[in-house]
Structures are given as C-alpha cells and as structure tokens.
Amino acid sequence: MKFTIVALASALLTVVSAQGTPGVLQVTNPVQNTEFTAGRVANITWQKATVDKVQIELANGDSNNLNHLYVIANDVDAKSGTYAWHIPDNTTAGTYALIFGTSPNVAYSPQFQINAAGSGGDDQQQGSGDQQQGGGDQQQQGGEGNTDDQV
C-alpha cells in the first residue's frame, strides 16, 4: 500500500512538472493559448531565475512526453528575464512548448501555438494576472517592423 502511494505521488509530481511548474525559472510568456507566427519575433519572458545562464529549447508533442526538436539559444542571461526569438519562416504550424535549462534542472512553458508564416494575424499573448489580453501586447510586423518591448 505504501509503495502504491509513493508511486502515485511520484507520477503526479512528474505530470505537474511537465505542465509549467517553476524549475530554474518561472515562465511568464508564452502562457496557455498564446499564438505566435512563423517568420516573426516571439518575446519569451520569465521571472524568478535561479541560474545565471539558461538554454532554451523548442519541443512538441504530448505535454507528458515532449519531443525535443532543437535548441533555440544557449547561454541566455537568465537574470534578464527575456529573450526575443526569431521564429524560422519554415516552422510547421502546430502546438509547441519551450524547455528552459538542461536536465535535470529544467522548467517548461505551457503549450502554445505557432501559426504558419503568412497566415496573418498578430502574435498575441493571452494570459491572466498582470498580463494584458489581446493582440497589441508585444508584436513585430515583418522585416524591420515595429517592436513593442513592454513586458
């Protein structure tokens, strides 16, 4: 009986940690339902970093079994709390997550959408708490477009 309780608690902890629980930092953007567009800049933000440098990696798949796709950036200043990611034009539309850090010291973003390049619409962050909702929070219009760096 004790083994079953320990096994269930361990499994629950694993599931919770893969769904955005703070690890080396606490992700503040993207949040659940955020949409980005391939070919544009996504403003990734976080707080409460417990490390000096962090690796940011793109992943997809089930939140309990993410597929590591590629490293977006290495040695990012974790204390800055922000990274401007230029999403490649050829990124396939779909559901993704970000992994911050390297195993076993990692944090995960909630899953978010990337739309195909040229699919229109503004990149948006829809969240709760101190973040505003809507398409005007942080965006870049193609090329040397306008970047609004409010975080």
N, C-alpha and C. Protein backbone atom coordinates (compact mmCIF):
# COMPACT_ATOMS: atom_id res chain seq x y z
N MET A 1 0.82 -1.19 0.00
CA MET A 1 0.00 0.00 0.00
C MET A 1 0.86 1.26 0.00
N LYS A 2 1.90 1.27 0.87
CA LYS A 2 2.77 2.44 0.92
C LYS A 2 3.48 2.64 -0.42
N PHE A 3 3.88 1.52 -1.06
CA PHE A 3 4.54 1.62 -2.36
C PHE A 3 3.62 2.26 -3.39
N THR A 4 2.35 1.87 -3.38
CA THR A 4 1.37 2.42 -4.33
C THR A 4 1.22 3.92 -4.13
N ILE A 5 1.14 4.37 -2.90
CA ILE A 5 1.00 5.80 -2.61
C ILE A 5 2.24 6.56 -3.08
N VAL A 6 3.42 6.01 -2.81
CA VAL A 6 4.66 6.65 -3.24
C VAL A 6 4.73 6.70 -4.76
N ALA A 7 4.35 5.61 -5.43
CA ALA A 7 4.38 5.57 -6.89
C ALA A 7 3.40 6.58 -7.48
N LEU A 8 2.21 6.67 -6.91
CA LEU A 8 1.23 7.64 -7.41
C LEU A 8 1.69 9.07 -7.18
N ALA A 9 2.26 9.34 -6.02
CA ALA A 9 2.76 10.69 -5.74
C ALA A 9 3.88 11.05 -6.70
N SER A 10 4.76 10.10 -6.99
CA SER A 10 5.86 10.35 -7.92
C SER A 10 5.34 10.62 -9.32
N ALA A 11 4.36 9.84 -9.76
CA ALA A 11 3.78 10.04 -11.09
C ALA A 11 3.09 11.39 -11.19
N LEU A 12 2.36 11.78 -10.15
CA LEU A 12 1.69 13.07 -10.14
C LEU A 12 2.69 14.21 -10.20
N LEU A 13 3.78 14.10 -9.46
CA LEU A 13 4.82 15.12 -9.47
C LEU A 13 5.43 15.26 -10.87
N THR A 14 5.64 14.14 -11.55
CA THR A 14 6.19 14.18 -12.90
C THR A 14 5.24 14.89 -13.86
N VAL A 15 3.95 14.58 -13.79
CA VAL A 15 2.96 15.21 -14.66
C VAL A 15 2.90 16.71 -14.39
N VAL A 16 2.85 17.11 -13.13
CA VAL A 16 2.77 18.52 -12.79
C VAL A 16 4.00 19.26 -13.27
N SER A 17 5.19 18.66 -13.14
CA SER A 17 6.41 19.36 -13.54
C SER A 17 6.47 19.58 -15.04
N ALA A 18 5.82 18.74 -15.82
CA ALA A 18 5.83 18.91 -17.27
C ALA A 18 4.78 19.90 -17.75
N GLN A 19 4.02 20.48 -16.83
CA GLN A 19 2.95 21.38 -17.23
C GLN A 19 3.19 22.81 -16.78
N GLY A 20 4.42 23.22 -16.63
CA GLY A 20 4.70 24.62 -16.38
C GLY A 20 5.10 24.95 -14.96
N THR A 21 5.31 23.97 -14.12
CA THR A 21 5.74 24.24 -12.76
C THR A 21 7.14 24.85 -12.78
N PRO A 22 7.37 25.88 -11.96
CA PRO A 22 8.68 26.52 -11.95
C PRO A 22 9.80 25.54 -11.62
N GLY A 23 10.91 25.71 -12.29
CA GLY A 23 12.11 24.94 -12.03
C GLY A 23 13.24 25.93 -11.88
N VAL A 24 14.05 26.07 -12.93
CA VAL A 24 15.15 27.03 -12.91
C VAL A 24 14.64 28.45 -13.08
N LEU A 25 13.38 28.60 -13.49
CA LEU A 25 12.74 29.90 -13.65
C LEU A 25 11.24 29.69 -13.76
N GLN A 26 10.49 30.77 -13.74
CA GLN A 26 9.03 30.71 -13.90
C GLN A 26 8.66 31.42 -15.20
N VAL A 27 8.11 30.68 -16.14
CA VAL A 27 7.76 31.22 -17.46
C VAL A 27 6.54 32.13 -17.33
N THR A 28 6.64 33.35 -17.89
CA THR A 28 5.51 34.28 -17.90
C THR A 28 4.95 34.50 -19.31
N ASN A 29 5.71 34.14 -20.33
CA ASN A 29 5.24 34.16 -21.71
C ASN A 29 6.13 33.25 -22.55
N PRO A 30 5.59 32.27 -23.24
CA PRO A 30 4.18 32.11 -23.56
C PRO A 30 3.39 31.49 -22.41
N VAL A 31 2.10 31.81 -22.41
CA VAL A 31 1.15 31.21 -21.49
C VAL A 31 0.21 30.35 -22.32
N GLN A 32 -0.65 29.60 -21.66
CA GLN A 32 -1.62 28.76 -22.37
C GLN A 32 -2.40 29.62 -23.36
N ASN A 33 -2.60 29.12 -24.57
CA ASN A 33 -3.36 29.77 -25.65
C ASN A 33 -2.61 30.90 -26.35
N THR A 34 -1.34 31.11 -26.04
CA THR A 34 -0.56 32.10 -26.79
C THR A 34 -0.41 31.61 -28.22
N GLU A 35 -0.46 32.55 -29.16
CA GLU A 35 -0.24 32.23 -30.57
C GLU A 35 0.89 33.08 -31.11
N PHE A 36 1.84 32.43 -31.76
CA PHE A 36 2.93 33.10 -32.45
C PHE A 36 2.82 32.75 -33.93
N THR A 37 3.53 33.50 -34.77
CA THR A 37 3.53 33.24 -36.20
C THR A 37 4.96 33.03 -36.68
N ALA A 38 5.15 31.96 -37.45
CA ALA A 38 6.47 31.69 -38.03
C ALA A 38 6.91 32.90 -38.84
N GLY A 39 8.19 33.22 -38.78
CA GLY A 39 8.73 34.37 -39.50
C GLY A 39 8.69 35.66 -38.71
N ARG A 40 8.11 35.62 -37.54
CA ARG A 40 8.03 36.81 -36.68
C ARG A 40 8.83 36.61 -35.40
N VAL A 41 8.88 37.65 -34.59
CA VAL A 41 9.60 37.59 -33.33
C VAL A 41 8.63 37.27 -32.20
N ALA A 42 8.99 36.29 -31.39
CA ALA A 42 8.22 35.94 -30.20
C ALA A 42 9.00 36.42 -28.98
N ASN A 43 8.37 37.20 -28.15
CA ASN A 43 9.01 37.67 -26.92
C ASN A 43 8.76 36.66 -25.81
N ILE A 44 9.80 35.92 -25.46
CA ILE A 44 9.74 34.93 -24.40
C ILE A 44 10.15 35.62 -23.11
N THR A 45 9.36 35.45 -22.06
CA THR A 45 9.68 36.12 -20.79
C THR A 45 9.54 35.14 -19.62
N TRP A 46 10.27 35.45 -18.55
CA TRP A 46 10.24 34.65 -17.34
C TRP A 46 10.66 35.49 -16.16
N GLN A 47 10.52 34.92 -14.97
CA GLN A 47 10.94 35.58 -13.74
C GLN A 47 11.47 34.54 -12.77
N LYS A 48 12.00 35.00 -11.67
CA LYS A 48 12.48 34.15 -10.58
C LYS A 48 13.52 33.12 -11.03
N ALA A 49 14.46 33.53 -11.87
CA ALA A 49 15.52 32.63 -12.32
C ALA A 49 16.43 32.27 -11.16
N THR A 50 16.77 30.99 -11.06
CA THR A 50 17.66 30.52 -10.01
C THR A 50 19.04 30.17 -10.56
N VAL A 51 19.26 30.46 -11.84
CA VAL A 51 20.54 30.21 -12.50
C VAL A 51 20.98 31.47 -13.23
N ASP A 52 22.26 31.54 -13.61
CA ASP A 52 22.78 32.71 -14.33
C ASP A 52 22.54 32.62 -15.83
N LYS A 53 22.72 31.43 -16.39
CA LYS A 53 22.56 31.20 -17.84
C LYS A 53 21.55 30.09 -18.05
N VAL A 54 20.84 30.16 -19.17
CA VAL A 54 19.84 29.14 -19.45
C VAL A 54 19.85 28.81 -20.94
N GLN A 55 19.55 27.56 -21.24
CA GLN A 55 19.35 27.11 -22.62
C GLN A 55 17.85 27.10 -22.87
N ILE A 56 17.42 27.51 -24.07
CA ILE A 56 16.00 27.48 -24.43
C ILE A 56 15.85 26.52 -25.61
N GLU A 57 14.94 25.57 -25.47
CA GLU A 57 14.76 24.54 -26.48
C GLU A 57 13.30 24.46 -26.89
N LEU A 58 13.05 24.20 -28.18
CA LEU A 58 11.70 24.03 -28.69
C LEU A 58 11.35 22.54 -28.65
N ALA A 59 10.11 22.25 -28.25
CA ALA A 59 9.64 20.87 -28.18
C ALA A 59 8.18 20.83 -28.64
N ASN A 60 7.74 19.63 -29.02
CA ASN A 60 6.33 19.45 -29.36
C ASN A 60 5.88 18.09 -28.87
N GLY A 61 4.60 17.80 -29.08
CA GLY A 61 4.06 16.52 -28.66
C GLY A 61 3.26 16.64 -27.37
N ASP A 62 2.91 15.49 -26.84
CA ASP A 62 2.15 15.41 -25.60
C ASP A 62 2.93 16.07 -24.46
N SER A 63 2.25 16.84 -23.63
CA SER A 63 2.93 17.56 -22.55
C SER A 63 3.60 16.62 -21.55
N ASN A 64 3.19 15.38 -21.52
CA ASN A 64 3.82 14.40 -20.62
C ASN A 64 4.94 13.63 -21.29
N ASN A 65 5.16 13.87 -22.58
CA ASN A 65 6.20 13.15 -23.32
C ASN A 65 6.66 14.02 -24.49
N LEU A 66 7.28 15.16 -24.17
CA LEU A 66 7.68 16.12 -25.20
C LEU A 66 8.81 15.59 -26.08
N ASN A 67 8.74 15.94 -27.36
CA ASN A 67 9.80 15.64 -28.32
C ASN A 67 10.71 16.85 -28.41
N HIS A 68 11.97 16.68 -28.09
CA HIS A 68 12.93 17.78 -28.17
C HIS A 68 13.25 18.00 -29.65
N LEU A 69 12.97 19.21 -30.17
CA LEU A 69 13.18 19.50 -31.58
C LEU A 69 14.54 20.13 -31.85
N TYR A 70 14.80 21.29 -31.25
CA TYR A 70 16.11 21.92 -31.42
C TYR A 70 16.31 23.01 -30.37
N VAL A 71 17.58 23.34 -30.16
CA VAL A 71 17.93 24.39 -29.21
C VAL A 71 17.75 25.74 -29.91
N ILE A 72 16.94 26.59 -29.31
CA ILE A 72 16.71 27.94 -29.82
C ILE A 72 17.90 28.83 -29.49
N ALA A 73 18.39 28.72 -28.25
CA ALA A 73 19.51 29.56 -27.81
C ALA A 73 20.22 28.92 -26.63
N ASN A 74 21.53 29.13 -26.57
CA ASN A 74 22.36 28.69 -25.45
C ASN A 74 22.87 29.89 -24.69
N ASP A 75 23.21 29.67 -23.44
CA ASP A 75 23.86 30.69 -22.61
C ASP A 75 23.12 32.02 -22.59
N VAL A 76 21.80 31.96 -22.52
CA VAL A 76 20.98 33.17 -22.41
C VAL A 76 21.09 33.69 -20.97
N ASP A 77 21.24 34.99 -20.81
CA ASP A 77 21.31 35.60 -19.49
C ASP A 77 19.96 35.40 -18.79
N ALA A 78 19.91 34.47 -17.86
CA ALA A 78 18.66 34.12 -17.19
C ALA A 78 18.12 35.26 -16.33
N LYS A 79 19.00 36.09 -15.82
CA LYS A 79 18.56 37.18 -14.95
C LYS A 79 17.86 38.30 -15.74
N SER A 80 18.05 38.32 -17.08
CA SER A 80 17.41 39.36 -17.90
C SER A 80 15.90 39.17 -17.97
N GLY A 81 15.44 37.92 -17.89
CA GLY A 81 14.01 37.65 -17.90
C GLY A 81 13.35 37.74 -19.26
N THR A 82 14.14 37.84 -20.32
CA THR A 82 13.53 37.98 -21.64
C THR A 82 14.46 37.47 -22.74
N TYR A 83 13.84 36.98 -23.82
CA TYR A 83 14.59 36.58 -25.00
C TYR A 83 13.69 36.80 -26.21
N ALA A 84 14.21 37.49 -27.23
CA ALA A 84 13.47 37.71 -28.48
C ALA A 84 13.83 36.59 -29.45
N TRP A 85 12.88 35.70 -29.70
CA TRP A 85 13.10 34.55 -30.56
C TRP A 85 12.56 34.84 -31.95
N HIS A 86 13.44 34.81 -32.93
CA HIS A 86 13.04 34.97 -34.33
C HIS A 86 12.61 33.59 -34.83
N ILE A 87 11.33 33.36 -34.88
CA ILE A 87 10.82 32.04 -35.27
C ILE A 87 11.10 31.82 -36.75
N PRO A 88 11.79 30.73 -37.12
CA PRO A 88 12.10 30.49 -38.53
C PRO A 88 10.84 30.44 -39.39
N ASP A 89 10.95 30.98 -40.60
CA ASP A 89 9.82 31.01 -41.54
C ASP A 89 9.26 29.62 -41.83
N ASN A 90 10.14 28.61 -41.82
CA ASN A 90 9.72 27.26 -42.21
C ASN A 90 9.21 26.43 -41.03
N THR A 91 8.93 27.06 -39.89
CA THR A 91 8.40 26.32 -38.74
C THR A 91 6.98 25.85 -39.07
N THR A 92 6.75 24.57 -38.88
CA THR A 92 5.45 23.97 -39.16
C THR A 92 4.42 24.44 -38.14
N ALA A 93 3.24 24.78 -38.63
CA ALA A 93 2.15 25.18 -37.73
C ALA A 93 1.84 24.03 -36.78
N GLY A 94 1.61 24.35 -35.52
CA GLY A 94 1.28 23.30 -34.56
C GLY A 94 1.39 23.77 -33.13
N THR A 95 1.31 22.82 -32.23
CA THR A 95 1.38 23.07 -30.79
C THR A 95 2.78 22.74 -30.31
N TYR A 96 3.34 23.66 -29.52
CA TYR A 96 4.72 23.54 -29.06
C TYR A 96 4.82 23.89 -27.58
N ALA A 97 6.00 23.65 -27.02
CA ALA A 97 6.35 24.08 -25.66
C ALA A 97 7.83 24.45 -25.67
N LEU A 98 8.24 25.21 -24.67
CA LEU A 98 9.65 25.56 -24.51
C LEU A 98 10.20 24.85 -23.28
N ILE A 99 11.44 24.41 -23.39
CA ILE A 99 12.15 23.81 -22.27
C ILE A 99 13.30 24.73 -21.93
N PHE A 100 13.38 25.14 -20.68
CA PHE A 100 14.43 26.05 -20.22
C PHE A 100 15.39 25.26 -19.33
N GLY A 101 16.70 25.38 -19.59
CA GLY A 101 17.68 24.68 -18.78
C GLY A 101 18.08 23.36 -19.40
N THR A 102 18.84 22.59 -18.65
CA THR A 102 19.25 21.25 -19.08
C THR A 102 18.94 20.27 -17.96
N SER A 103 18.58 19.06 -18.35
CA SER A 103 18.18 18.04 -17.39
C SER A 103 19.28 17.81 -16.36
N PRO A 104 18.93 17.70 -15.11
CA PRO A 104 17.60 17.62 -14.52
C PRO A 104 17.04 18.97 -14.08
N ASN A 105 17.77 20.05 -14.31
CA ASN A 105 17.36 21.39 -13.85
C ASN A 105 16.64 22.13 -14.97
N VAL A 106 15.35 21.89 -15.11
CA VAL A 106 14.59 22.46 -16.21
C VAL A 106 13.28 23.09 -15.73
N ALA A 107 12.73 23.93 -16.59
CA ALA A 107 11.38 24.47 -16.43
C ALA A 107 10.72 24.36 -17.80
N TYR A 108 9.41 24.23 -17.81
CA TYR A 108 8.65 24.07 -19.04
C TYR A 108 7.63 25.21 -19.17
N SER A 109 7.44 25.65 -20.41
CA SER A 109 6.35 26.60 -20.66
C SER A 109 5.06 25.80 -20.85
N PRO A 110 3.92 26.46 -20.68
CA PRO A 110 2.68 25.83 -21.12
C PRO A 110 2.73 25.67 -22.64
N GLN A 111 1.90 24.80 -23.17
CA GLN A 111 1.88 24.64 -24.62
C GLN A 111 1.25 25.86 -25.28
N PHE A 112 1.73 26.18 -26.48
CA PHE A 112 1.28 27.34 -27.24
C PHE A 112 1.24 26.97 -28.71
N GLN A 113 0.66 27.84 -29.52
CA GLN A 113 0.51 27.61 -30.96
C GLN A 113 1.52 28.43 -31.75
N ILE A 114 2.03 27.83 -32.81
CA ILE A 114 2.76 28.58 -33.84
C ILE A 114 1.96 28.42 -35.12
N ASN A 115 1.58 29.55 -35.72
CA ASN A 115 0.86 29.55 -36.99
C ASN A 115 1.86 29.64 -38.13
N ALA A 116 1.49 29.15 -39.29
CA ALA A 116 2.37 29.18 -40.46
C ALA A 116 2.69 30.61 -40.86
N ALA A 117 3.86 30.81 -41.43
CA ALA A 117 4.25 32.13 -41.93
C ALA A 117 3.24 32.59 -42.96
N GLY A 118 2.91 33.88 -42.93
CA GLY A 118 1.98 34.44 -43.90
C GLY A 118 0.53 34.09 -43.64
N SER A 119 0.24 33.49 -42.47
CA SER A 119 -1.15 33.13 -42.19
C SER A 119 -1.95 34.29 -41.63
N GLY A 120 -1.28 35.46 -41.47
CA GLY A 120 -1.98 36.65 -41.00
C GLY A 120 -2.17 36.65 -39.50
N GLY A 121 -2.74 37.71 -39.01
CA GLY A 121 -2.98 37.84 -37.57
C GLY A 121 -1.75 38.31 -36.85
N ASP A 122 -1.96 38.89 -35.69
CA ASP A 122 -0.86 39.38 -34.87
C ASP A 122 -0.49 38.33 -33.85
N ASP A 123 0.80 38.27 -33.52
CA ASP A 123 1.22 37.42 -32.41
C ASP A 123 0.58 37.98 -31.16
N GLN A 124 0.09 37.11 -30.31
CA GLN A 124 -0.59 37.62 -29.14
C GLN A 124 -0.29 36.77 -27.92
N GLN A 125 -0.44 37.40 -26.79
CA GLN A 125 -0.29 36.72 -25.52
C GLN A 125 -1.61 36.86 -24.79
N GLN A 126 -2.22 35.74 -24.45
CA GLN A 126 -3.46 35.77 -23.70
C GLN A 126 -3.17 35.11 -22.37
N GLY A 127 -3.23 35.85 -21.32
CA GLY A 127 -2.90 35.28 -20.03
C GLY A 127 -3.77 35.84 -18.94
N SER A 128 -3.32 35.62 -17.73
CA SER A 128 -4.04 36.13 -16.58
C SER A 128 -3.06 36.86 -15.69
N GLY A 129 -3.54 37.33 -14.58
CA GLY A 129 -2.66 38.04 -13.66
C GLY A 129 -2.33 39.40 -14.20
N ASP A 130 -1.04 39.76 -14.19
CA ASP A 130 -0.65 41.10 -14.58
C ASP A 130 -0.40 41.25 -16.08
N GLN A 131 -0.71 40.25 -16.87
CA GLN A 131 -0.55 40.38 -18.31
C GLN A 131 -1.86 40.84 -18.92
N GLN A 132 -1.76 41.64 -19.97
CA GLN A 132 -2.96 42.08 -20.68
C GLN A 132 -3.33 41.03 -21.70
N GLN A 133 -4.60 41.02 -22.09
CA GLN A 133 -5.05 40.12 -23.13
C GLN A 133 -5.19 40.88 -24.42
N GLY A 134 -4.90 40.18 -25.52
CA GLY A 134 -5.14 40.79 -26.81
C GLY A 134 -3.92 40.74 -27.69
N GLY A 135 -4.07 41.26 -28.90
CA GLY A 135 -3.02 41.20 -29.89
C GLY A 135 -2.06 42.36 -29.84
N GLY A 136 -2.25 43.34 -28.99
CA GLY A 136 -1.40 44.51 -29.01
C GLY A 136 -0.30 44.51 -27.97
N ASP A 137 -0.14 43.44 -27.21
CA ASP A 137 0.83 43.43 -26.13
C ASP A 137 2.27 43.53 -26.64
N GLN A 138 2.69 42.55 -27.38
CA GLN A 138 4.06 42.51 -27.89
C GLN A 138 3.98 41.95 -29.30
N GLN A 139 4.50 42.69 -30.25
CA GLN A 139 4.41 42.19 -31.60
C GLN A 139 5.48 42.80 -32.48
N GLN A 140 5.73 42.13 -33.57
CA GLN A 140 6.61 42.69 -34.59
C GLN A 140 5.95 42.44 -35.92
N GLN A 141 5.90 43.45 -36.73
CA GLN A 141 5.37 43.34 -38.08
C GLN A 141 6.56 43.02 -38.97
N GLY A 142 6.49 42.03 -39.84
CA GLY A 142 7.59 41.55 -40.68
C GLY A 142 8.72 42.51 -40.98
N GLY A 143 9.84 41.99 -41.39
CA GLY A 143 11.02 42.79 -41.74
C GLY A 143 11.51 43.62 -40.59
N GLU A 144 11.68 44.91 -40.82
CA GLU A 144 12.11 45.81 -39.76
C GLU A 144 10.90 46.50 -39.15
N GLY A 145 9.91 45.69 -38.83
CA GLY A 145 8.66 46.22 -38.32
C GLY A 145 8.78 46.84 -36.95
N ASN A 146 7.64 47.07 -36.37
CA ASN A 146 7.57 47.73 -35.07
C ASN A 146 7.63 46.70 -33.97
N THR A 147 8.49 46.92 -33.01
CA THR A 147 8.55 46.04 -31.85
C THR A 147 8.15 46.85 -30.63
N ASP A 148 7.20 46.34 -29.89
CA ASP A 148 6.75 46.99 -28.67
C ASP A 148 7.29 46.17 -27.51
N ASP A 149 8.29 46.66 -26.83
CA ASP A 149 9.01 45.88 -25.83
C ASP A 149 8.43 46.00 -24.43
N GLN A 150 7.16 46.21 -24.29
CA GLN A 150 6.57 46.28 -22.96
C GLN A 150 6.45 44.88 -22.40
N VAL A 151 6.98 44.69 -21.22
CA VAL A 151 6.91 43.37 -20.58
C VAL A 151 6.30 43.53 -19.22
